[in-house]
Amino acid sequence: MSAPATDPALHTGPNAVRLALWLAVATIAWNVVEGVIAMGFGVAEESLALFGFGVDSFVEVGAAVIVLWRLRGENGRGELLSRDREKVGTGIVGGLLLLLGVGVTIGAVAQLVTGSHPSSTLPGLVISGVSIALMVFLWRAKDRVARQLDSRTLLADAACSRSCLQLSVVLLAGSLLYWAVPALWWADAVASLGLAFLIGREGWGAIQAARKPEFDGCCGGSCHS
């Protein structure tokens, strides 16, 4: 006899849910600090790239807030995850990824058009270096817990953290290039355009998945590959 269906909910584990909640809180705390500092130095150093990096941090905050909403009431129970919340959460985080891709594109184009570059590379080097160290941990932990919970919303949030990590790498590389060869001030903007396309495509994919009638809240093969 086949096992009873669990629709419309997903089975979870309480420890994984609590970990997902703590990761979301850590993401909010770090990105608020990172965003404020990066925007402040962006203004002080007249660096459009650094200021834009700070603004992007708040997109990551938005995605983490959606995860908190998504898991509200699950902590301590850990037996079921609502597919209705999964559908809404996946669509919103996908929209935030799409917004991030658009924002990165606008910032990169503005940097190329205005010829904007920092008066000093030190803030960009420090901020991006610290961000890379932290975001590697957050991304990998979020990706792992998303697979444990088989949650498309959490997987999209992990993708948002990965995008933040990639933007940190671009900022670090751009700062190093400008420090070594000032004539290459445009390199990070060009790299950002390619990255923006990938981020936007991932966001659009999440939105499309959430809109499908057969959406079941799981991340399918991508969670088990």
N, C-alpha and C. Protein backbone atom coordinates (compact mmCIF):
# COMPACT_ATOMS: atom_id res chain seq x y z
N MET A 1 0.85 -1.19 0.00
CA MET A 1 0.00 0.00 0.00
C MET A 1 0.89 1.24 0.00
N SER A 2 0.53 2.20 -0.83
CA SER A 2 1.35 3.41 -0.93
C SER A 2 1.18 4.28 0.30
N ALA A 3 2.24 5.06 0.59
CA ALA A 3 2.20 5.96 1.75
C ALA A 3 1.20 7.07 1.50
N PRO A 4 0.56 7.59 2.54
CA PRO A 4 -0.42 8.67 2.36
C PRO A 4 0.23 9.92 1.82
N ALA A 5 -0.49 10.61 0.97
CA ALA A 5 0.04 11.84 0.38
C ALA A 5 0.14 12.93 1.43
N THR A 6 1.12 13.79 1.26
CA THR A 6 1.32 14.88 2.22
C THR A 6 0.87 16.22 1.67
N ASP A 7 0.32 16.23 0.49
CA ASP A 7 -0.14 17.50 -0.11
C ASP A 7 -1.21 18.12 0.78
N PRO A 8 -1.23 19.43 1.05
CA PRO A 8 -0.37 20.43 0.45
C PRO A 8 0.76 20.87 1.36
N ALA A 9 1.60 19.98 1.83
CA ALA A 9 2.67 20.39 2.73
C ALA A 9 3.89 19.53 2.50
N LEU A 10 5.01 20.00 3.01
CA LEU A 10 6.28 19.31 2.87
C LEU A 10 6.79 18.91 4.24
N HIS A 11 7.29 17.69 4.40
CA HIS A 11 7.86 17.27 5.66
C HIS A 11 9.23 17.90 5.85
N THR A 12 9.53 18.27 7.06
CA THR A 12 10.80 18.92 7.37
C THR A 12 11.35 18.37 8.67
N GLY A 13 12.52 18.84 9.04
CA GLY A 13 13.09 18.52 10.33
C GLY A 13 13.24 19.79 11.14
N PRO A 14 12.96 19.74 12.46
CA PRO A 14 13.02 20.95 13.28
C PRO A 14 14.41 21.56 13.35
N ASN A 15 15.45 20.73 13.37
CA ASN A 15 16.81 21.28 13.43
C ASN A 15 17.15 22.06 12.17
N ALA A 16 16.74 21.53 11.01
CA ALA A 16 17.00 22.22 9.75
C ALA A 16 16.25 23.54 9.68
N VAL A 17 15.02 23.55 10.19
CA VAL A 17 14.23 24.78 10.19
C VAL A 17 14.89 25.83 11.07
N ARG A 18 15.34 25.42 12.27
CA ARG A 18 16.00 26.37 13.17
C ARG A 18 17.29 26.91 12.54
N LEU A 19 18.03 26.04 11.87
CA LEU A 19 19.26 26.49 11.20
C LEU A 19 18.94 27.51 10.12
N ALA A 20 17.89 27.24 9.35
CA ALA A 20 17.49 28.18 8.29
C ALA A 20 17.12 29.54 8.88
N LEU A 21 16.45 29.53 10.03
CA LEU A 21 16.07 30.79 10.68
C LEU A 21 17.31 31.55 11.16
N TRP A 22 18.26 30.85 11.77
CA TRP A 22 19.48 31.50 12.24
C TRP A 22 20.30 32.06 11.08
N LEU A 23 20.34 31.34 9.98
CA LEU A 23 21.07 31.82 8.80
C LEU A 23 20.43 33.09 8.25
N ALA A 24 19.11 33.14 8.27
CA ALA A 24 18.40 34.33 7.79
C ALA A 24 18.70 35.53 8.69
N VAL A 25 18.70 35.31 10.00
CA VAL A 25 19.00 36.40 10.94
C VAL A 25 20.44 36.89 10.75
N ALA A 26 21.38 35.95 10.59
CA ALA A 26 22.78 36.32 10.37
C ALA A 26 22.94 37.11 9.08
N THR A 27 22.20 36.70 8.06
CA THR A 27 22.26 37.40 6.77
C THR A 27 21.78 38.84 6.90
N ILE A 28 20.68 39.02 7.60
CA ILE A 28 20.14 40.38 7.79
C ILE A 28 21.14 41.24 8.55
N ALA A 29 21.68 40.70 9.66
CA ALA A 29 22.60 41.47 10.50
C ALA A 29 23.84 41.90 9.70
N TRP A 30 24.45 40.95 8.99
CA TRP A 30 25.67 41.27 8.26
C TRP A 30 25.39 42.24 7.12
N ASN A 31 24.35 42.00 6.34
CA ASN A 31 24.13 42.83 5.16
C ASN A 31 23.69 44.25 5.49
N VAL A 32 23.01 44.43 6.62
CA VAL A 32 22.69 45.80 7.03
C VAL A 32 23.99 46.55 7.34
N VAL A 33 24.89 45.92 8.10
CA VAL A 33 26.17 46.54 8.42
C VAL A 33 26.98 46.79 7.15
N GLU A 34 27.08 45.76 6.32
CA GLU A 34 27.84 45.86 5.08
C GLU A 34 27.27 46.94 4.16
N GLY A 35 25.95 46.98 4.05
CA GLY A 35 25.32 47.95 3.15
C GLY A 35 25.56 49.38 3.58
N VAL A 36 25.40 49.65 4.88
CA VAL A 36 25.60 51.01 5.39
C VAL A 36 27.05 51.44 5.22
N ILE A 37 28.00 50.56 5.56
CA ILE A 37 29.42 50.89 5.45
C ILE A 37 29.81 51.11 3.99
N ALA A 38 29.37 50.21 3.10
CA ALA A 38 29.73 50.32 1.69
C ALA A 38 29.15 51.59 1.06
N MET A 39 27.90 51.91 1.40
CA MET A 39 27.30 53.13 0.85
C MET A 39 28.01 54.37 1.38
N GLY A 40 28.39 54.33 2.67
CA GLY A 40 29.11 55.47 3.25
C GLY A 40 30.45 55.69 2.58
N PHE A 41 31.22 54.63 2.40
CA PHE A 41 32.51 54.76 1.73
C PHE A 41 32.33 55.09 0.25
N GLY A 42 31.23 54.59 -0.34
CA GLY A 42 30.98 54.91 -1.74
C GLY A 42 30.79 56.40 -1.95
N VAL A 43 30.09 57.04 -1.02
CA VAL A 43 29.91 58.49 -1.09
C VAL A 43 31.22 59.21 -0.79
N ALA A 44 31.92 58.78 0.25
CA ALA A 44 33.16 59.44 0.66
C ALA A 44 34.24 59.33 -0.40
N GLU A 45 34.34 58.15 -1.05
CA GLU A 45 35.38 57.91 -2.04
C GLU A 45 34.91 58.20 -3.47
N GLU A 46 33.67 58.65 -3.61
CA GLU A 46 33.08 58.92 -4.92
C GLU A 46 33.15 57.68 -5.82
N SER A 47 32.81 56.54 -5.21
CA SER A 47 32.83 55.27 -5.93
C SER A 47 31.41 54.78 -6.16
N LEU A 48 30.97 54.86 -7.41
CA LEU A 48 29.64 54.39 -7.76
C LEU A 48 29.52 52.89 -7.57
N ALA A 49 30.60 52.17 -7.88
CA ALA A 49 30.58 50.71 -7.74
C ALA A 49 30.41 50.31 -6.28
N LEU A 50 31.13 50.97 -5.38
CA LEU A 50 31.05 50.64 -3.96
C LEU A 50 29.70 51.03 -3.39
N PHE A 51 29.17 52.18 -3.81
CA PHE A 51 27.85 52.60 -3.35
C PHE A 51 26.79 51.61 -3.83
N GLY A 52 26.87 51.20 -5.09
CA GLY A 52 25.92 50.23 -5.62
C GLY A 52 26.02 48.89 -4.93
N PHE A 53 27.23 48.51 -4.54
CA PHE A 53 27.42 47.27 -3.81
C PHE A 53 26.69 47.33 -2.47
N GLY A 54 26.73 48.50 -1.83
CA GLY A 54 26.02 48.68 -0.58
C GLY A 54 24.51 48.58 -0.75
N VAL A 55 24.00 49.17 -1.82
CA VAL A 55 22.56 49.10 -2.11
C VAL A 55 22.15 47.65 -2.36
N ASP A 56 22.98 46.91 -3.08
CA ASP A 56 22.68 45.51 -3.38
C ASP A 56 22.56 44.67 -2.11
N SER A 57 23.28 45.05 -1.07
CA SER A 57 23.24 44.31 0.19
C SER A 57 21.82 44.27 0.76
N PHE A 58 21.05 45.32 0.51
CA PHE A 58 19.71 45.38 1.07
C PHE A 58 18.73 44.51 0.29
N VAL A 59 19.08 44.13 -0.94
CA VAL A 59 18.28 43.13 -1.65
C VAL A 59 18.44 41.79 -0.95
N GLU A 60 19.66 41.50 -0.51
CA GLU A 60 19.92 40.28 0.24
C GLU A 60 19.15 40.28 1.56
N VAL A 61 19.06 41.45 2.20
CA VAL A 61 18.27 41.58 3.42
C VAL A 61 16.80 41.25 3.14
N GLY A 62 16.28 41.77 2.04
CA GLY A 62 14.90 41.51 1.67
C GLY A 62 14.63 40.02 1.48
N ALA A 63 15.55 39.32 0.83
CA ALA A 63 15.37 37.88 0.61
C ALA A 63 15.38 37.14 1.94
N ALA A 64 16.25 37.54 2.87
CA ALA A 64 16.31 36.88 4.18
C ALA A 64 15.03 37.13 4.99
N VAL A 65 14.47 38.33 4.86
CA VAL A 65 13.21 38.63 5.54
C VAL A 65 12.09 37.72 5.02
N ILE A 66 12.08 37.47 3.71
CA ILE A 66 11.08 36.58 3.14
C ILE A 66 11.25 35.16 3.69
N VAL A 67 12.49 34.72 3.88
CA VAL A 67 12.74 33.41 4.46
C VAL A 67 12.18 33.35 5.88
N LEU A 68 12.39 34.40 6.67
CA LEU A 68 11.83 34.44 8.03
C LEU A 68 10.31 34.33 7.99
N TRP A 69 9.69 35.07 7.08
CA TRP A 69 8.23 34.99 6.93
C TRP A 69 7.83 33.60 6.49
N ARG A 70 8.59 33.05 5.56
CA ARG A 70 8.29 31.72 5.02
C ARG A 70 8.28 30.65 6.11
N LEU A 71 9.19 30.76 7.07
CA LEU A 71 9.34 29.74 8.09
C LEU A 71 8.66 30.11 9.41
N ARG A 72 7.97 31.22 9.45
CA ARG A 72 7.31 31.65 10.67
C ARG A 72 6.30 30.60 11.14
N GLY A 73 6.42 30.24 12.39
CA GLY A 73 5.53 29.23 12.95
C GLY A 73 6.02 27.81 12.77
N GLU A 74 7.07 27.61 11.95
CA GLU A 74 7.57 26.26 11.74
C GLU A 74 8.54 25.85 12.85
N ASN A 75 9.29 26.81 13.41
CA ASN A 75 10.29 26.50 14.41
C ASN A 75 9.65 25.84 15.64
N GLY A 76 10.22 24.72 16.06
CA GLY A 76 9.69 24.00 17.20
C GLY A 76 8.70 22.91 16.81
N ARG A 77 8.16 23.00 15.62
CA ARG A 77 7.26 21.95 15.12
C ARG A 77 8.02 21.10 14.12
N GLY A 78 8.41 21.72 13.01
CA GLY A 78 9.27 21.06 12.05
C GLY A 78 8.64 19.90 11.30
N GLU A 79 7.29 19.74 11.37
CA GLU A 79 6.73 18.62 10.66
C GLU A 79 6.20 18.98 9.27
N LEU A 80 5.75 20.20 9.08
CA LEU A 80 5.15 20.55 7.80
C LEU A 80 5.55 21.94 7.35
N LEU A 81 5.71 22.08 6.06
CA LEU A 81 5.93 23.38 5.46
C LEU A 81 4.81 23.65 4.46
N SER A 82 4.18 24.79 4.57
CA SER A 82 3.05 25.11 3.71
C SER A 82 3.49 25.37 2.28
N ARG A 83 2.84 24.71 1.32
CA ARG A 83 3.16 24.94 -0.08
C ARG A 83 2.68 26.30 -0.55
N ASP A 84 1.63 26.83 0.08
CA ASP A 84 1.16 28.16 -0.30
C ASP A 84 2.24 29.20 0.00
N ARG A 85 2.83 29.11 1.18
CA ARG A 85 3.92 30.04 1.53
C ARG A 85 5.14 29.80 0.64
N GLU A 86 5.38 28.55 0.31
CA GLU A 86 6.52 28.22 -0.54
C GLU A 86 6.36 28.89 -1.91
N LYS A 87 5.17 28.87 -2.44
CA LYS A 87 4.89 29.46 -3.75
C LYS A 87 5.10 30.97 -3.72
N VAL A 88 4.54 31.63 -2.70
CA VAL A 88 4.68 33.08 -2.57
C VAL A 88 6.13 33.45 -2.32
N GLY A 89 6.78 32.73 -1.40
CA GLY A 89 8.17 33.04 -1.07
C GLY A 89 9.10 32.88 -2.26
N THR A 90 8.91 31.81 -3.03
CA THR A 90 9.76 31.59 -4.20
C THR A 90 9.59 32.72 -5.21
N GLY A 91 8.35 33.14 -5.44
CA GLY A 91 8.10 34.22 -6.39
C GLY A 91 8.71 35.54 -5.95
N ILE A 92 8.61 35.84 -4.65
CA ILE A 92 9.15 37.12 -4.16
C ILE A 92 10.67 37.13 -4.20
N VAL A 93 11.30 36.05 -3.73
CA VAL A 93 12.77 36.00 -3.77
C VAL A 93 13.26 36.02 -5.21
N GLY A 94 12.53 35.34 -6.11
CA GLY A 94 12.88 35.42 -7.53
C GLY A 94 12.80 36.84 -8.05
N GLY A 95 11.75 37.57 -7.60
CA GLY A 95 11.62 38.97 -7.99
C GLY A 95 12.77 39.82 -7.46
N LEU A 96 13.22 39.52 -6.25
CA LEU A 96 14.35 40.26 -5.68
C LEU A 96 15.63 39.98 -6.45
N LEU A 97 15.81 38.73 -6.87
CA LEU A 97 16.96 38.41 -7.71
C LEU A 97 16.90 39.16 -9.03
N LEU A 98 15.72 39.21 -9.62
CA LEU A 98 15.55 39.94 -10.87
C LEU A 98 15.84 41.42 -10.65
N LEU A 99 15.34 41.97 -9.54
CA LEU A 99 15.61 43.36 -9.20
C LEU A 99 17.10 43.61 -9.01
N LEU A 100 17.78 42.66 -8.37
CA LEU A 100 19.22 42.77 -8.18
C LEU A 100 19.95 42.81 -9.51
N GLY A 101 19.53 41.93 -10.44
CA GLY A 101 20.15 41.93 -11.77
C GLY A 101 19.96 43.25 -12.49
N VAL A 102 18.75 43.82 -12.39
CA VAL A 102 18.47 45.12 -13.02
C VAL A 102 19.31 46.22 -12.37
N GLY A 103 19.38 46.18 -11.03
CA GLY A 103 20.14 47.19 -10.31
C GLY A 103 21.62 47.15 -10.65
N VAL A 104 22.17 45.94 -10.73
CA VAL A 104 23.59 45.80 -11.10
C VAL A 104 23.83 46.32 -12.51
N THR A 105 22.89 46.03 -13.41
CA THR A 105 23.02 46.52 -14.79
C THR A 105 23.03 48.04 -14.84
N ILE A 106 22.09 48.66 -14.13
CA ILE A 106 22.01 50.13 -14.12
C ILE A 106 23.30 50.73 -13.55
N GLY A 107 23.79 50.15 -12.45
CA GLY A 107 25.00 50.65 -11.84
C GLY A 107 26.21 50.51 -12.74
N ALA A 108 26.32 49.37 -13.43
CA ALA A 108 27.46 49.14 -14.32
C ALA A 108 27.43 50.08 -15.51
N VAL A 109 26.24 50.26 -16.09
CA VAL A 109 26.11 51.18 -17.24
C VAL A 109 26.43 52.61 -16.81
N ALA A 110 25.92 53.00 -15.64
CA ALA A 110 26.20 54.35 -15.15
C ALA A 110 27.69 54.56 -14.92
N GLN A 111 28.36 53.53 -14.39
CA GLN A 111 29.80 53.62 -14.16
C GLN A 111 30.56 53.78 -15.48
N LEU A 112 30.14 53.03 -16.50
CA LEU A 112 30.80 53.13 -17.80
C LEU A 112 30.55 54.48 -18.46
N VAL A 113 29.32 54.97 -18.36
CA VAL A 113 28.97 56.24 -19.00
C VAL A 113 29.66 57.42 -18.34
N THR A 114 29.71 57.40 -17.01
CA THR A 114 30.29 58.54 -16.27
C THR A 114 31.79 58.41 -16.06
N GLY A 115 32.32 57.22 -16.32
CA GLY A 115 33.75 57.01 -16.07
C GLY A 115 34.07 57.03 -14.59
N SER A 116 33.10 56.64 -13.77
CA SER A 116 33.27 56.70 -12.32
C SER A 116 34.29 55.68 -11.85
N HIS A 117 35.15 56.10 -10.95
CA HIS A 117 36.11 55.19 -10.31
C HIS A 117 36.49 55.77 -8.96
N PRO A 118 36.88 54.90 -8.02
CA PRO A 118 37.17 55.38 -6.67
C PRO A 118 38.47 56.17 -6.61
N SER A 119 38.54 57.09 -5.63
CA SER A 119 39.79 57.81 -5.41
C SER A 119 40.78 56.95 -4.63
N SER A 120 40.27 55.89 -3.97
CA SER A 120 41.10 54.95 -3.24
C SER A 120 40.51 53.56 -3.36
N THR A 121 41.35 52.54 -3.48
CA THR A 121 40.85 51.16 -3.60
C THR A 121 40.78 50.44 -2.27
N LEU A 122 41.32 51.04 -1.20
CA LEU A 122 41.38 50.35 0.08
C LEU A 122 40.01 49.96 0.63
N PRO A 123 39.01 50.87 0.66
CA PRO A 123 37.70 50.46 1.18
C PRO A 123 37.09 49.29 0.41
N GLY A 124 37.19 49.34 -0.91
CA GLY A 124 36.65 48.25 -1.73
C GLY A 124 37.35 46.93 -1.45
N LEU A 125 38.66 46.97 -1.26
CA LEU A 125 39.42 45.76 -0.97
C LEU A 125 39.01 45.16 0.38
N VAL A 126 38.90 46.01 1.39
CA VAL A 126 38.57 45.52 2.73
C VAL A 126 37.14 44.98 2.78
N ILE A 127 36.19 45.76 2.28
CA ILE A 127 34.78 45.36 2.34
C ILE A 127 34.53 44.09 1.54
N SER A 128 35.06 44.03 0.34
CA SER A 128 34.84 42.85 -0.49
C SER A 128 35.54 41.62 0.09
N GLY A 129 36.73 41.81 0.66
CA GLY A 129 37.44 40.68 1.25
C GLY A 129 36.69 40.07 2.42
N VAL A 130 36.20 40.92 3.32
CA VAL A 130 35.42 40.43 4.46
C VAL A 130 34.12 39.79 3.99
N SER A 131 33.48 40.42 3.01
CA SER A 131 32.21 39.90 2.49
C SER A 131 32.40 38.52 1.88
N ILE A 132 33.47 38.32 1.14
CA ILE A 132 33.72 37.01 0.52
C ILE A 132 33.85 35.93 1.58
N ALA A 133 34.62 36.22 2.64
CA ALA A 133 34.82 35.23 3.69
C ALA A 133 33.50 34.82 4.35
N LEU A 134 32.63 35.80 4.62
CA LEU A 134 31.36 35.50 5.29
C LEU A 134 30.34 34.89 4.34
N MET A 135 30.27 35.41 3.11
CA MET A 135 29.24 34.95 2.19
C MET A 135 29.50 33.54 1.69
N VAL A 136 30.76 33.11 1.64
CA VAL A 136 31.05 31.71 1.28
C VAL A 136 30.38 30.78 2.29
N PHE A 137 30.53 31.11 3.58
CA PHE A 137 29.91 30.30 4.63
C PHE A 137 28.38 30.34 4.52
N LEU A 138 27.81 31.55 4.41
CA LEU A 138 26.35 31.68 4.37
C LEU A 138 25.76 30.97 3.16
N TRP A 139 26.37 31.16 2.00
CA TRP A 139 25.85 30.54 0.78
C TRP A 139 25.85 29.01 0.90
N ARG A 140 26.98 28.45 1.32
CA ARG A 140 27.07 26.99 1.39
C ARG A 140 26.13 26.42 2.44
N ALA A 141 26.01 27.11 3.58
CA ALA A 141 25.10 26.64 4.62
C ALA A 141 23.65 26.72 4.17
N LYS A 142 23.28 27.84 3.49
CA LYS A 142 21.92 27.99 3.01
C LYS A 142 21.59 26.96 1.93
N ASP A 143 22.53 26.72 1.05
CA ASP A 143 22.32 25.74 -0.01
C ASP A 143 22.09 24.35 0.59
N ARG A 144 22.87 24.02 1.61
CA ARG A 144 22.75 22.71 2.25
C ARG A 144 21.40 22.55 2.94
N VAL A 145 20.97 23.57 3.69
CA VAL A 145 19.70 23.45 4.41
C VAL A 145 18.51 23.50 3.44
N ALA A 146 18.66 24.21 2.33
CA ALA A 146 17.59 24.23 1.32
C ALA A 146 17.38 22.84 0.75
N ARG A 147 18.48 22.11 0.55
CA ARG A 147 18.38 20.74 0.03
C ARG A 147 17.80 19.80 1.09
N GLN A 148 18.15 20.03 2.35
CA GLN A 148 17.59 19.20 3.42
C GLN A 148 16.08 19.38 3.52
N LEU A 149 15.63 20.63 3.39
CA LEU A 149 14.20 20.93 3.49
C LEU A 149 13.48 20.80 2.15
N ASP A 150 14.25 20.59 1.07
CA ASP A 150 13.69 20.51 -0.28
C ASP A 150 12.79 21.71 -0.55
N SER A 151 13.33 22.91 -0.28
CA SER A 151 12.55 24.15 -0.36
C SER A 151 13.05 25.03 -1.49
N ARG A 152 12.16 25.33 -2.43
CA ARG A 152 12.53 26.20 -3.55
C ARG A 152 12.78 27.63 -3.08
N THR A 153 12.05 28.08 -2.07
CA THR A 153 12.26 29.43 -1.54
C THR A 153 13.66 29.57 -0.94
N LEU A 154 14.05 28.61 -0.13
CA LEU A 154 15.37 28.65 0.50
C LEU A 154 16.48 28.49 -0.53
N LEU A 155 16.21 27.71 -1.58
CA LEU A 155 17.21 27.55 -2.63
C LEU A 155 17.41 28.87 -3.38
N ALA A 156 16.31 29.61 -3.60
CA ALA A 156 16.42 30.92 -4.26
C ALA A 156 17.16 31.91 -3.37
N ASP A 157 16.93 31.81 -2.05
CA ASP A 157 17.66 32.68 -1.12
C ASP A 157 19.14 32.35 -1.13
N ALA A 158 19.48 31.07 -1.22
CA ALA A 158 20.89 30.66 -1.33
C ALA A 158 21.50 31.23 -2.61
N ALA A 159 20.72 31.25 -3.69
CA ALA A 159 21.21 31.83 -4.95
C ALA A 159 21.46 33.32 -4.79
N CYS A 160 20.64 33.98 -3.97
CA CYS A 160 20.84 35.41 -3.71
C CYS A 160 22.15 35.63 -2.96
N SER A 161 22.45 34.76 -2.00
CA SER A 161 23.72 34.85 -1.28
C SER A 161 24.90 34.57 -2.21
N ARG A 162 24.72 33.62 -3.11
CA ARG A 162 25.77 33.33 -4.07
C ARG A 162 26.02 34.53 -4.98
N SER A 163 24.94 35.22 -5.36
CA SER A 163 25.09 36.42 -6.19
C SER A 163 25.85 37.51 -5.45
N CYS A 164 25.56 37.65 -4.15
CA CYS A 164 26.28 38.63 -3.33
C CYS A 164 27.75 38.27 -3.26
N LEU A 165 28.05 36.98 -3.14
CA LEU A 165 29.43 36.51 -3.13
C LEU A 165 30.12 36.84 -4.46
N GLN A 166 29.43 36.59 -5.56
CA GLN A 166 30.01 36.87 -6.87
C GLN A 166 30.25 38.37 -7.07
N LEU A 167 29.32 39.19 -6.59
CA LEU A 167 29.51 40.63 -6.68
C LEU A 167 30.70 41.08 -5.83
N SER A 168 30.91 40.43 -4.69
CA SER A 168 32.06 40.74 -3.85
C SER A 168 33.36 40.41 -4.57
N VAL A 169 33.36 39.29 -5.28
CA VAL A 169 34.55 38.90 -6.05
C VAL A 169 34.83 39.92 -7.15
N VAL A 170 33.76 40.36 -7.83
CA VAL A 170 33.91 41.36 -8.89
C VAL A 170 34.45 42.67 -8.31
N LEU A 171 33.91 43.09 -7.15
CA LEU A 171 34.39 44.32 -6.52
C LEU A 171 35.85 44.19 -6.11
N LEU A 172 36.23 43.05 -5.56
CA LEU A 172 37.62 42.83 -5.16
C LEU A 172 38.54 42.86 -6.38
N ALA A 173 38.14 42.14 -7.43
CA ALA A 173 38.96 42.10 -8.64
C ALA A 173 39.07 43.49 -9.27
N GLY A 174 37.94 44.22 -9.30
CA GLY A 174 37.97 45.56 -9.88
C GLY A 174 38.86 46.51 -9.08
N SER A 175 38.82 46.40 -7.76
CA SER A 175 39.66 47.25 -6.91
C SER A 175 41.14 46.92 -7.12
N LEU A 176 41.45 45.63 -7.22
CA LEU A 176 42.84 45.23 -7.46
C LEU A 176 43.33 45.69 -8.82
N LEU A 177 42.47 45.54 -9.84
CA LEU A 177 42.85 45.97 -11.19
C LEU A 177 43.09 47.47 -11.24
N TYR A 178 42.20 48.22 -10.62
CA TYR A 178 42.35 49.68 -10.64
C TYR A 178 43.59 50.11 -9.87
N TRP A 179 43.89 49.40 -8.79
CA TRP A 179 45.09 49.70 -8.01
C TRP A 179 46.35 49.42 -8.82
N ALA A 180 46.33 48.31 -9.59
CA ALA A 180 47.51 47.92 -10.37
C ALA A 180 47.60 48.66 -11.69
N VAL A 181 46.45 48.79 -12.37
CA VAL A 181 46.43 49.43 -13.70
C VAL A 181 45.22 50.35 -13.76
N PRO A 182 45.37 51.62 -13.39
CA PRO A 182 44.24 52.55 -13.38
C PRO A 182 43.48 52.64 -14.70
N ALA A 183 44.13 52.34 -15.80
CA ALA A 183 43.47 52.41 -17.10
C ALA A 183 42.37 51.35 -17.24
N LEU A 184 42.38 50.34 -16.36
CA LEU A 184 41.37 49.28 -16.42
C LEU A 184 40.23 49.53 -15.44
N TRP A 185 39.92 50.80 -15.19
CA TRP A 185 38.83 51.16 -14.26
C TRP A 185 37.48 50.59 -14.67
N TRP A 186 37.33 50.28 -15.96
CA TRP A 186 36.05 49.84 -16.50
C TRP A 186 35.83 48.33 -16.38
N ALA A 187 36.88 47.58 -16.00
CA ALA A 187 36.82 46.11 -16.05
C ALA A 187 35.72 45.53 -15.15
N ASP A 188 35.59 46.07 -13.93
CA ASP A 188 34.59 45.50 -13.03
C ASP A 188 33.18 45.79 -13.50
N ALA A 189 32.98 46.93 -14.17
CA ALA A 189 31.65 47.26 -14.69
C ALA A 189 31.26 46.28 -15.80
N VAL A 190 32.21 45.95 -16.67
CA VAL A 190 31.93 45.01 -17.75
C VAL A 190 31.63 43.62 -17.18
N ALA A 191 32.41 43.20 -16.19
CA ALA A 191 32.16 41.90 -15.57
C ALA A 191 30.80 41.89 -14.88
N SER A 192 30.43 43.02 -14.28
CA SER A 192 29.14 43.11 -13.59
C SER A 192 27.97 42.94 -14.54
N LEU A 193 28.12 43.41 -15.78
CA LEU A 193 27.05 43.27 -16.77
C LEU A 193 26.78 41.79 -17.06
N GLY A 194 27.85 41.01 -17.23
CA GLY A 194 27.67 39.59 -17.45
C GLY A 194 27.05 38.90 -16.25
N LEU A 195 27.49 39.29 -15.06
CA LEU A 195 26.96 38.72 -13.84
C LEU A 195 25.49 39.09 -13.65
N ALA A 196 25.14 40.33 -14.00
CA ALA A 196 23.76 40.78 -13.87
C ALA A 196 22.82 39.93 -14.72
N PHE A 197 23.27 39.55 -15.91
CA PHE A 197 22.46 38.70 -16.77
C PHE A 197 22.18 37.35 -16.11
N LEU A 198 23.21 36.74 -15.51
CA LEU A 198 23.04 35.44 -14.87
C LEU A 198 22.12 35.54 -13.65
N ILE A 199 22.27 36.61 -12.87
CA ILE A 199 21.42 36.82 -11.69
C ILE A 199 19.97 37.00 -12.11
N GLY A 200 19.76 37.84 -13.12
CA GLY A 200 18.40 38.09 -13.60
C GLY A 200 17.76 36.84 -14.16
N ARG A 201 18.53 36.03 -14.87
CA ARG A 201 17.99 34.79 -15.43
C ARG A 201 17.56 33.82 -14.34
N GLU A 202 18.36 33.75 -13.27
CA GLU A 202 18.00 32.86 -12.16
C GLU A 202 16.73 33.36 -11.46
N GLY A 203 16.63 34.67 -11.29
CA GLY A 203 15.44 35.24 -10.68
C GLY A 203 14.20 34.98 -11.51
N TRP A 204 14.31 35.17 -12.81
CA TRP A 204 13.18 34.93 -13.70
C TRP A 204 12.77 33.46 -13.69
N GLY A 205 13.76 32.57 -13.59
CA GLY A 205 13.45 31.15 -13.52
C GLY A 205 12.64 30.80 -12.27
N ALA A 206 12.99 31.43 -11.14
CA ALA A 206 12.25 31.19 -9.90
C ALA A 206 10.83 31.71 -10.01
N ILE A 207 10.67 32.89 -10.62
CA ILE A 207 9.33 33.46 -10.80
C ILE A 207 8.48 32.55 -11.67
N GLN A 208 9.05 32.08 -12.77
CA GLN A 208 8.31 31.21 -13.67
C GLN A 208 7.93 29.90 -12.99
N ALA A 209 8.84 29.36 -12.17
CA ALA A 209 8.54 28.11 -11.46
C ALA A 209 7.37 28.30 -10.50
N ALA A 210 7.37 29.43 -9.79
CA ALA A 210 6.30 29.69 -8.81
C ALA A 210 4.94 29.89 -9.49
N ARG A 211 4.94 30.31 -10.74
CA ARG A 211 3.68 30.58 -11.45
C ARG A 211 3.07 29.33 -12.07
N LYS A 212 3.81 28.23 -12.10
CA LYS A 212 3.29 27.02 -12.72
C LYS A 212 2.21 26.37 -11.84
N PRO A 213 1.12 25.92 -12.45
CA PRO A 213 0.05 25.28 -11.68
C PRO A 213 0.53 24.05 -10.91
N GLU A 214 1.51 23.35 -11.46
CA GLU A 214 1.99 22.12 -10.82
C GLU A 214 3.07 22.37 -9.78
N PHE A 215 3.35 23.64 -9.47
CA PHE A 215 4.39 23.95 -8.48
C PHE A 215 4.06 23.27 -7.15
N ASP A 216 5.03 22.47 -6.63
CA ASP A 216 4.78 21.73 -5.40
C ASP A 216 5.65 22.19 -4.24
N GLY A 217 6.44 23.24 -4.43
CA GLY A 217 7.26 23.76 -3.34
C GLY A 217 8.63 23.14 -3.27
N CYS A 218 8.83 22.01 -3.95
CA CYS A 218 10.13 21.35 -3.92
C CYS A 218 11.04 21.95 -4.99
N CYS A 219 12.34 21.75 -4.82
CA CYS A 219 13.26 22.28 -5.83
C CYS A 219 13.67 21.20 -6.82
N GLY A 220 13.04 20.07 -6.79
CA GLY A 220 13.23 19.07 -7.82
C GLY A 220 14.64 18.53 -7.86
N GLY A 221 15.09 18.24 -9.08
CA GLY A 221 16.43 17.68 -9.25
C GLY A 221 17.53 18.57 -8.79
N SER A 222 17.31 19.89 -8.81
CA SER A 222 18.35 20.82 -8.40
C SER A 222 18.67 20.69 -6.92
N CYS A 223 17.79 20.11 -6.16
CA CYS A 223 18.04 19.92 -4.73
C CYS A 223 18.76 18.60 -4.45
N HIS A 224 18.82 17.78 -5.43
CA HIS A 224 19.39 16.45 -5.16
C HIS A 224 20.51 16.10 -6.14
N SER A 225 20.96 17.08 -6.92
CA SER A 225 22.02 16.81 -7.88
C SER A 225 23.35 16.74 -7.19
